[in-house]
N, C-alpha and C. Protein backbone atom coordinates (compact mmCIF):
# COMPACT_ATOMS: atom_id res chain seq x y z
N MET A 1 65.53 -11.94 78.14
CA MET A 1 66.81 -11.41 78.49
C MET A 1 67.13 -10.29 77.52
N ALA A 2 67.50 -9.15 78.05
CA ALA A 2 67.91 -8.05 77.19
C ALA A 2 69.18 -8.43 76.50
N LYS A 3 69.40 -7.84 75.32
CA LYS A 3 70.60 -8.15 74.52
C LYS A 3 71.83 -7.77 75.34
N GLN A 4 72.74 -8.76 75.61
CA GLN A 4 73.92 -8.57 76.35
C GLN A 4 75.12 -9.20 75.60
N GLU A 5 76.28 -8.63 75.83
CA GLU A 5 77.47 -9.22 75.22
C GLU A 5 77.78 -10.51 75.98
N LEU A 6 78.07 -11.56 75.19
CA LEU A 6 78.40 -12.87 75.78
C LEU A 6 79.84 -13.15 75.68
N VAL A 7 80.33 -13.95 76.62
CA VAL A 7 81.72 -14.32 76.64
C VAL A 7 81.75 -15.84 76.70
N PRO A 8 82.80 -16.48 76.12
CA PRO A 8 82.94 -17.90 76.22
C PRO A 8 83.65 -18.29 77.49
N ILE A 9 83.17 -19.30 78.12
CA ILE A 9 83.86 -19.88 79.29
C ILE A 9 84.12 -21.39 79.01
N LYS A 10 85.23 -21.86 79.54
CA LYS A 10 85.60 -23.27 79.42
C LYS A 10 85.38 -23.87 80.83
N VAL A 11 84.67 -24.97 80.87
CA VAL A 11 84.31 -25.58 82.12
C VAL A 11 84.85 -27.03 82.21
N LYS A 12 85.53 -27.27 83.35
CA LYS A 12 86.04 -28.63 83.61
C LYS A 12 84.86 -29.42 84.20
N ILE A 13 84.50 -30.52 83.53
CA ILE A 13 83.39 -31.37 83.96
C ILE A 13 83.93 -32.73 84.43
N GLY A 14 83.77 -32.95 85.69
CA GLY A 14 84.23 -34.21 86.24
C GLY A 14 83.17 -35.28 86.14
N LEU A 15 83.39 -36.36 86.90
CA LEU A 15 82.41 -37.45 87.00
C LEU A 15 82.05 -37.68 88.48
N LYS A 16 80.78 -37.91 88.69
CA LYS A 16 80.29 -38.29 90.04
C LYS A 16 80.61 -39.79 90.24
N ASP A 17 80.46 -40.19 91.51
CA ASP A 17 80.71 -41.63 91.77
C ASP A 17 79.83 -42.58 90.98
N ASN A 18 78.60 -42.08 90.61
CA ASN A 18 77.66 -42.93 89.88
C ASN A 18 77.94 -42.91 88.41
N GLY A 19 79.02 -42.22 87.94
CA GLY A 19 79.37 -42.21 86.52
C GLY A 19 78.73 -41.13 85.72
N HIS A 20 77.86 -40.30 86.32
CA HIS A 20 77.28 -39.19 85.63
C HIS A 20 78.14 -37.94 85.69
N ALA A 21 77.98 -37.06 84.69
CA ALA A 21 78.77 -35.83 84.65
C ALA A 21 78.53 -34.95 85.88
N ASP A 22 79.55 -34.37 86.39
CA ASP A 22 79.53 -33.51 87.58
C ASP A 22 79.71 -32.05 87.14
N TYR A 23 78.60 -31.42 86.82
CA TYR A 23 78.60 -30.00 86.40
C TYR A 23 78.56 -29.12 87.61
N PRO A 24 79.08 -27.89 87.46
CA PRO A 24 78.87 -26.91 88.55
C PRO A 24 77.38 -26.61 88.69
N ASN A 25 76.97 -26.36 89.94
CA ASN A 25 75.57 -26.07 90.21
C ASN A 25 75.33 -24.57 89.99
N TRP A 26 74.91 -24.23 88.79
CA TRP A 26 74.76 -22.82 88.42
C TRP A 26 73.71 -22.13 89.37
N GLY A 27 72.83 -22.88 89.96
CA GLY A 27 71.84 -22.31 90.86
C GLY A 27 72.44 -21.70 92.10
N LEU A 28 73.71 -21.98 92.37
CA LEU A 28 74.40 -21.38 93.52
C LEU A 28 74.98 -20.03 93.30
N LEU A 29 75.03 -19.60 92.00
CA LEU A 29 75.57 -18.30 91.68
C LEU A 29 74.73 -17.18 92.28
N PRO A 30 75.34 -16.10 92.72
CA PRO A 30 74.59 -14.98 93.27
C PRO A 30 73.47 -14.47 92.37
N LEU A 31 73.71 -14.48 91.03
CA LEU A 31 72.66 -13.96 90.11
C LEU A 31 71.42 -14.84 90.16
N ALA A 32 71.57 -16.07 90.63
CA ALA A 32 70.42 -16.98 90.71
C ALA A 32 69.88 -17.12 92.11
N ALA A 33 70.64 -16.73 93.11
CA ALA A 33 70.26 -16.95 94.47
C ALA A 33 69.43 -15.80 95.02
N SER A 34 68.12 -15.81 94.68
CA SER A 34 67.27 -14.75 95.15
C SER A 34 66.13 -15.27 96.00
N GLY A 35 66.37 -16.37 96.71
CA GLY A 35 65.40 -16.90 97.64
C GLY A 35 64.37 -17.79 96.97
N MET A 36 64.51 -18.08 95.72
CA MET A 36 63.55 -18.99 95.04
C MET A 36 63.95 -20.41 95.20
N GLY A 37 63.12 -21.29 94.76
CA GLY A 37 63.43 -22.75 94.80
C GLY A 37 64.50 -23.13 93.79
N ASP A 38 64.89 -24.42 93.87
CA ASP A 38 65.93 -24.88 92.97
C ASP A 38 65.65 -24.69 91.48
N GLN A 39 64.39 -24.95 91.06
CA GLN A 39 64.07 -24.79 89.66
C GLN A 39 64.18 -23.35 89.25
N GLY A 40 63.74 -22.44 90.07
CA GLY A 40 63.81 -21.04 89.78
C GLY A 40 65.27 -20.58 89.63
N ARG A 41 66.11 -21.05 90.53
CA ARG A 41 67.54 -20.69 90.42
C ARG A 41 68.13 -21.23 89.14
N ARG A 42 67.78 -22.45 88.75
CA ARG A 42 68.27 -23.02 87.52
C ARG A 42 67.79 -22.18 86.31
N ASP A 43 66.55 -21.75 86.38
CA ASP A 43 66.00 -20.98 85.26
C ASP A 43 66.68 -19.64 85.11
N VAL A 44 66.97 -18.93 86.26
CA VAL A 44 67.69 -17.67 86.15
C VAL A 44 69.04 -17.88 85.58
N ALA A 45 69.78 -18.90 86.04
CA ALA A 45 71.13 -19.19 85.52
C ALA A 45 71.04 -19.54 84.05
N ALA A 46 70.07 -20.34 83.65
CA ALA A 46 69.96 -20.73 82.24
C ALA A 46 69.73 -19.52 81.33
N LYS A 47 69.04 -18.52 81.80
CA LYS A 47 68.77 -17.34 81.02
C LYS A 47 70.04 -16.52 80.76
N SER A 48 71.08 -16.79 81.51
CA SER A 48 72.36 -16.13 81.32
C SER A 48 73.27 -16.83 80.30
N MET A 49 72.75 -17.92 79.72
CA MET A 49 73.52 -18.71 78.72
C MET A 49 72.86 -18.48 77.38
N SER A 50 73.65 -18.50 76.31
CA SER A 50 73.08 -18.24 74.99
C SER A 50 72.75 -19.53 74.29
N SER A 51 73.43 -20.61 74.62
CA SER A 51 73.25 -21.83 73.89
C SER A 51 73.61 -23.03 74.73
N SER A 52 73.52 -24.15 74.14
CA SER A 52 73.80 -25.39 74.84
C SER A 52 75.33 -25.62 74.92
N TRP A 53 75.70 -26.65 75.63
CA TRP A 53 77.07 -27.01 75.78
C TRP A 53 77.72 -27.37 74.49
N LYS A 54 78.96 -26.99 74.33
CA LYS A 54 79.84 -27.40 73.22
C LYS A 54 80.92 -28.21 73.89
N TYR A 55 80.82 -29.54 73.75
CA TYR A 55 81.74 -30.40 74.46
C TYR A 55 83.00 -30.73 73.67
N ASP A 56 84.06 -31.04 74.34
CA ASP A 56 85.30 -31.48 73.76
C ASP A 56 85.06 -32.87 73.21
N ASN A 57 84.92 -33.02 71.94
CA ASN A 57 84.65 -34.31 71.30
C ASN A 57 85.89 -35.08 70.90
N ARG A 58 87.03 -34.53 71.24
CA ARG A 58 88.32 -35.25 71.02
C ARG A 58 88.67 -36.02 72.24
N TYR A 59 88.55 -35.41 73.40
CA TYR A 59 88.91 -36.08 74.68
C TYR A 59 87.72 -36.01 75.63
N GLY A 60 86.99 -37.09 75.72
CA GLY A 60 85.83 -37.15 76.64
C GLY A 60 86.27 -37.66 78.00
N HIS A 61 85.29 -38.16 78.77
CA HIS A 61 85.57 -38.66 80.09
C HIS A 61 86.40 -39.92 80.07
N THR A 62 86.41 -40.65 78.93
CA THR A 62 87.13 -41.94 78.91
C THR A 62 88.43 -41.88 78.12
N GLU A 63 88.73 -40.73 77.50
CA GLU A 63 89.96 -40.60 76.74
C GLU A 63 91.01 -39.76 77.53
N GLU A 64 92.23 -40.04 77.37
CA GLU A 64 93.33 -39.30 77.98
C GLU A 64 93.85 -38.29 76.97
N GLY A 65 93.84 -37.06 77.34
CA GLY A 65 94.40 -35.97 76.45
C GLY A 65 95.42 -35.15 77.18
N PRO A 66 96.10 -34.26 76.45
CA PRO A 66 97.17 -33.47 77.07
C PRO A 66 96.67 -32.65 78.27
N ASP A 67 95.45 -32.12 78.19
CA ASP A 67 94.93 -31.35 79.30
C ASP A 67 93.61 -31.96 79.81
N SER A 68 93.40 -33.22 79.53
CA SER A 68 92.10 -33.86 79.83
C SER A 68 92.39 -35.28 80.31
N PRO A 69 92.59 -35.45 81.63
CA PRO A 69 92.80 -36.80 82.10
C PRO A 69 91.52 -37.64 82.09
N VAL A 70 91.63 -38.94 82.12
CA VAL A 70 90.45 -39.79 82.17
C VAL A 70 89.59 -39.39 83.38
N GLY A 71 88.30 -39.29 83.17
CA GLY A 71 87.42 -38.94 84.28
C GLY A 71 87.01 -37.48 84.25
N MET A 72 87.50 -36.69 83.32
CA MET A 72 87.05 -35.31 83.15
C MET A 72 86.96 -34.97 81.68
N GLN A 73 86.15 -33.96 81.39
CA GLN A 73 85.95 -33.47 80.05
C GLN A 73 85.74 -31.99 80.07
N TRP A 74 86.15 -31.30 79.01
CA TRP A 74 85.94 -29.85 78.93
C TRP A 74 84.65 -29.59 78.18
N GLY A 75 83.97 -28.52 78.56
CA GLY A 75 82.82 -28.04 77.88
C GLY A 75 82.95 -26.50 77.71
N MET A 76 82.33 -25.97 76.68
CA MET A 76 82.33 -24.50 76.48
C MET A 76 80.88 -24.03 76.46
N LEU A 77 80.71 -22.87 77.08
CA LEU A 77 79.41 -22.15 77.10
C LEU A 77 79.61 -20.71 76.73
N PHE A 78 78.63 -20.10 76.13
CA PHE A 78 78.64 -18.66 75.93
C PHE A 78 77.65 -18.09 76.95
N VAL A 79 78.16 -17.20 77.80
CA VAL A 79 77.37 -16.68 78.93
C VAL A 79 77.53 -15.17 79.02
N THR A 80 76.68 -14.55 79.84
CA THR A 80 76.78 -13.13 80.11
C THR A 80 78.03 -12.88 80.92
N LYS A 81 78.54 -11.63 80.80
CA LYS A 81 79.73 -11.27 81.59
C LYS A 81 79.51 -11.46 83.09
N GLN A 82 78.36 -11.15 83.56
CA GLN A 82 78.03 -11.29 84.97
C GLN A 82 78.08 -12.77 85.40
N PHE A 83 77.51 -13.61 84.59
CA PHE A 83 77.56 -15.04 84.82
C PHE A 83 79.01 -15.52 84.89
N ALA A 84 79.82 -15.14 83.91
CA ALA A 84 81.22 -15.57 83.84
C ALA A 84 81.98 -15.08 85.06
N LYS A 85 81.77 -13.81 85.45
CA LYS A 85 82.47 -13.28 86.64
C LYS A 85 82.10 -14.04 87.89
N GLU A 86 80.83 -14.33 88.07
CA GLU A 86 80.39 -15.08 89.28
C GLU A 86 80.91 -16.51 89.25
N ALA A 87 80.83 -17.13 88.07
CA ALA A 87 81.26 -18.54 87.97
C ALA A 87 82.77 -18.65 88.23
N LEU A 88 83.54 -17.73 87.68
CA LEU A 88 85.00 -17.69 87.95
C LEU A 88 85.29 -17.56 89.45
N ALA A 89 84.54 -16.65 90.10
CA ALA A 89 84.77 -16.44 91.53
C ALA A 89 84.41 -17.63 92.36
N MET A 90 83.31 -18.33 91.99
CA MET A 90 82.85 -19.46 92.78
C MET A 90 83.65 -20.73 92.51
N TRP A 91 84.07 -20.93 91.23
CA TRP A 91 84.76 -22.18 90.87
C TRP A 91 86.07 -21.86 90.07
N PRO A 92 87.02 -21.21 90.72
CA PRO A 92 88.23 -20.85 89.95
C PRO A 92 89.00 -22.03 89.44
N ASP A 93 88.82 -23.20 90.04
CA ASP A 93 89.53 -24.38 89.59
C ASP A 93 88.81 -25.08 88.44
N LEU A 94 87.53 -24.69 88.15
CA LEU A 94 86.72 -25.35 87.13
C LEU A 94 86.40 -24.46 85.92
N ILE A 95 86.48 -23.16 86.08
CA ILE A 95 86.02 -22.24 85.07
C ILE A 95 87.20 -21.39 84.59
N THR A 96 87.26 -21.20 83.27
CA THR A 96 88.21 -20.30 82.63
C THR A 96 87.50 -19.46 81.65
N GLU A 97 87.68 -18.13 81.70
CA GLU A 97 87.14 -17.28 80.65
C GLU A 97 88.08 -17.32 79.46
N MET A 98 87.52 -17.53 78.29
CA MET A 98 88.32 -17.74 77.09
C MET A 98 88.35 -16.44 76.26
N THR A 99 89.45 -16.27 75.53
CA THR A 99 89.51 -15.22 74.54
C THR A 99 88.76 -15.69 73.30
N GLU A 100 88.52 -14.75 72.42
CA GLU A 100 87.82 -15.16 71.15
C GLU A 100 88.63 -16.15 70.41
N ALA A 101 89.97 -15.97 70.37
CA ALA A 101 90.85 -16.94 69.67
C ALA A 101 90.82 -18.32 70.30
N GLU A 102 90.82 -18.37 71.66
CA GLU A 102 90.76 -19.64 72.33
C GLU A 102 89.44 -20.36 72.10
N ALA A 103 88.37 -19.58 72.08
CA ALA A 103 87.04 -20.17 71.80
C ALA A 103 87.00 -20.71 70.36
N GLU A 104 87.54 -19.99 69.45
CA GLU A 104 87.54 -20.44 68.06
C GLU A 104 88.38 -21.74 67.90
N THR A 105 89.55 -21.77 68.61
CA THR A 105 90.34 -23.01 68.53
C THR A 105 89.61 -24.16 69.17
N PHE A 106 88.98 -23.95 70.33
CA PHE A 106 88.24 -24.99 70.96
C PHE A 106 87.11 -25.51 70.09
N TRP A 107 86.42 -24.59 69.42
CA TRP A 107 85.32 -24.93 68.53
C TRP A 107 85.86 -25.80 67.39
N ASN A 108 86.94 -25.37 66.74
CA ASN A 108 87.41 -26.05 65.55
C ASN A 108 88.15 -27.36 65.86
N GLU A 109 88.94 -27.38 66.97
CA GLU A 109 89.85 -28.48 67.21
C GLU A 109 89.29 -29.47 68.28
N ARG A 110 88.27 -29.04 69.02
CA ARG A 110 87.74 -29.93 70.08
C ARG A 110 86.27 -30.24 69.82
N TYR A 111 85.42 -29.22 69.65
CA TYR A 111 83.99 -29.45 69.52
C TYR A 111 83.62 -29.96 68.13
N ALA A 112 84.08 -29.29 67.09
CA ALA A 112 83.64 -29.62 65.75
C ALA A 112 84.64 -30.52 65.01
N VAL A 113 85.55 -31.15 65.78
CA VAL A 113 86.64 -31.89 65.18
C VAL A 113 86.13 -33.05 64.28
N ASP A 114 84.98 -33.66 64.58
CA ASP A 114 84.47 -34.75 63.73
C ASP A 114 83.43 -34.28 62.74
N MET A 115 83.09 -32.99 62.73
CA MET A 115 82.04 -32.51 61.82
C MET A 115 82.67 -32.27 60.44
N PRO A 116 81.96 -32.60 59.41
CA PRO A 116 82.48 -32.31 58.04
C PRO A 116 82.56 -30.80 57.84
N ASP A 117 83.54 -30.40 56.98
CA ASP A 117 83.66 -28.96 56.67
C ASP A 117 82.42 -28.46 56.01
N MET A 118 81.79 -29.30 55.15
CA MET A 118 80.56 -28.89 54.51
C MET A 118 79.59 -30.05 54.64
N LYS A 119 78.29 -29.68 54.71
CA LYS A 119 77.26 -30.68 54.79
C LYS A 119 76.38 -30.49 53.54
N ALA A 120 76.21 -31.57 52.79
CA ALA A 120 75.38 -31.47 51.58
C ALA A 120 74.01 -32.07 51.80
N ASP A 121 73.02 -31.38 51.31
CA ASP A 121 71.64 -31.85 51.32
C ASP A 121 71.49 -32.56 49.98
N GLU A 122 71.77 -33.89 49.99
CA GLU A 122 71.84 -34.65 48.73
C GLU A 122 70.49 -34.65 47.99
N LYS A 123 69.39 -34.71 48.73
CA LYS A 123 68.09 -34.73 48.10
C LYS A 123 67.87 -33.44 47.27
N THR A 124 68.20 -32.32 47.88
CA THR A 124 68.04 -31.01 47.15
C THR A 124 68.94 -30.96 45.94
N LEU A 125 70.21 -31.36 46.12
CA LEU A 125 71.12 -31.29 44.96
C LEU A 125 70.71 -32.22 43.81
N VAL A 126 70.29 -33.46 44.13
CA VAL A 126 69.85 -34.37 43.11
C VAL A 126 68.59 -33.84 42.42
N THR A 127 67.68 -33.29 43.21
CA THR A 127 66.48 -32.73 42.59
C THR A 127 66.79 -31.61 41.63
N LEU A 128 67.69 -30.71 41.99
CA LEU A 128 68.12 -29.63 41.09
C LEU A 128 68.78 -30.16 39.82
N LYS A 129 69.63 -31.11 40.02
CA LYS A 129 70.39 -31.73 38.87
C LYS A 129 69.35 -32.35 37.92
N ASN A 130 68.38 -33.09 38.47
CA ASN A 130 67.35 -33.75 37.64
C ASN A 130 66.49 -32.71 36.93
N GLU A 131 66.17 -31.67 37.60
CA GLU A 131 65.36 -30.61 36.98
C GLU A 131 66.14 -29.94 35.83
N LEU A 132 67.42 -29.73 36.02
CA LEU A 132 68.28 -29.15 34.97
C LEU A 132 68.29 -30.09 33.76
N ILE A 133 68.50 -31.37 34.00
CA ILE A 133 68.53 -32.33 32.87
C ILE A 133 67.22 -32.34 32.13
N LEU A 134 66.14 -32.42 32.86
CA LEU A 134 64.79 -32.46 32.23
C LEU A 134 64.51 -31.19 31.42
N ARG A 135 64.84 -30.03 31.94
CA ARG A 135 64.64 -28.77 31.24
C ARG A 135 65.48 -28.74 29.97
N LYS A 136 66.68 -29.20 30.02
CA LYS A 136 67.55 -29.23 28.82
C LYS A 136 66.97 -30.13 27.76
N GLU A 137 66.58 -31.37 28.23
CA GLU A 137 65.99 -32.33 27.31
C GLU A 137 64.70 -31.84 26.67
N ALA A 138 63.96 -31.02 27.43
CA ALA A 138 62.70 -30.49 26.89
C ALA A 138 62.90 -29.20 26.10
N GLY A 139 64.13 -28.75 26.05
CA GLY A 139 64.40 -27.50 25.34
C GLY A 139 63.84 -26.25 26.05
N LEU A 140 63.70 -26.35 27.36
CA LEU A 140 63.20 -25.22 28.15
C LEU A 140 64.33 -24.34 28.68
N ASP A 141 63.97 -23.16 29.05
CA ASP A 141 64.93 -22.21 29.63
C ASP A 141 65.47 -22.77 30.99
N THR A 142 66.81 -22.79 31.14
CA THR A 142 67.42 -23.33 32.33
C THR A 142 67.97 -22.26 33.27
N THR A 143 67.77 -20.96 32.94
CA THR A 143 68.35 -19.90 33.71
C THR A 143 67.97 -19.96 35.19
N ASP A 144 66.68 -20.16 35.47
CA ASP A 144 66.19 -20.16 36.86
C ASP A 144 66.83 -21.33 37.64
N VAL A 145 66.84 -22.50 37.09
CA VAL A 145 67.37 -23.66 37.81
C VAL A 145 68.91 -23.50 38.00
N ILE A 146 69.57 -22.94 37.02
CA ILE A 146 71.04 -22.71 37.13
C ILE A 146 71.30 -21.73 38.29
N ASN A 147 70.49 -20.67 38.39
CA ASN A 147 70.62 -19.73 39.51
C ASN A 147 70.37 -20.38 40.83
N ARG A 148 69.35 -21.25 40.89
CA ARG A 148 69.11 -22.00 42.12
C ARG A 148 70.24 -22.95 42.49
N ILE A 149 70.85 -23.55 41.47
CA ILE A 149 71.99 -24.44 41.68
C ILE A 149 73.18 -23.66 42.22
N LYS A 150 73.44 -22.46 41.66
CA LYS A 150 74.53 -21.60 42.14
C LYS A 150 74.33 -21.28 43.63
N LYS A 151 73.09 -20.98 44.02
CA LYS A 151 72.81 -20.71 45.42
C LYS A 151 72.98 -21.95 46.29
N ALA A 152 72.53 -23.08 45.77
CA ALA A 152 72.60 -24.34 46.54
C ALA A 152 74.02 -24.79 46.80
N VAL A 153 74.91 -24.54 45.88
CA VAL A 153 76.31 -25.03 46.08
C VAL A 153 77.20 -23.96 46.75
N ASP A 154 76.66 -22.79 47.08
CA ASP A 154 77.41 -21.78 47.80
C ASP A 154 77.22 -22.00 49.29
N PRO A 155 78.23 -22.47 50.00
CA PRO A 155 78.05 -22.83 51.42
C PRO A 155 77.73 -21.60 52.29
N ASP A 156 77.95 -20.39 51.80
CA ASP A 156 77.64 -19.22 52.55
C ASP A 156 76.24 -18.69 52.31
N ASP A 157 75.50 -19.29 51.37
CA ASP A 157 74.15 -18.90 51.08
C ASP A 157 73.21 -19.81 51.87
N TYR A 158 72.13 -19.24 52.38
CA TYR A 158 71.22 -20.04 53.24
C TYR A 158 70.27 -20.91 52.49
N ALA A 159 70.38 -20.89 51.13
CA ALA A 159 69.51 -21.76 50.34
C ALA A 159 69.89 -23.23 50.66
N LEU A 160 68.91 -24.10 50.59
CA LEU A 160 69.19 -25.54 50.82
C LEU A 160 70.20 -26.03 49.81
N GLY A 161 71.07 -26.90 50.22
CA GLY A 161 72.06 -27.45 49.31
C GLY A 161 73.29 -27.77 50.11
N VAL A 162 74.34 -26.98 50.00
CA VAL A 162 75.60 -27.18 50.69
C VAL A 162 75.76 -26.11 51.79
N ARG A 163 76.06 -26.55 52.98
CA ARG A 163 76.28 -25.60 54.09
C ARG A 163 77.70 -25.72 54.62
């Protein structure tokens, strides 16, 4: 897929009679309907998405929420503009294009609501601490390990440690 600008969409996901999630059939979208079989249509539609579902983890199918009755759940996807346009036209009652602010709110208050603000790699941090202690006890230079510790505890640094 060529690099394209993606937009967030919010999707209302119901339940089928058998209790399984009832997703829109992306294979029905015009961008996917080119005379190929079901798998081919699903593949074309999937290539218009950047990532997997981001589900509302506050109000699922079994919880009652202000905009989420029992039996339905919200999901968010990042998709191409063409995909969003076609999905909105085909399922106006199920699809909403979100603004950047709405997507950020959904991410923080619905999808990542149970995720910790920071995730620590305890093994890495303990290893660095032990190395620092051993170097100090041996009278060795600690500059290198201190620099690695600074990187490890910086959540914005990609070094292993705290994210």
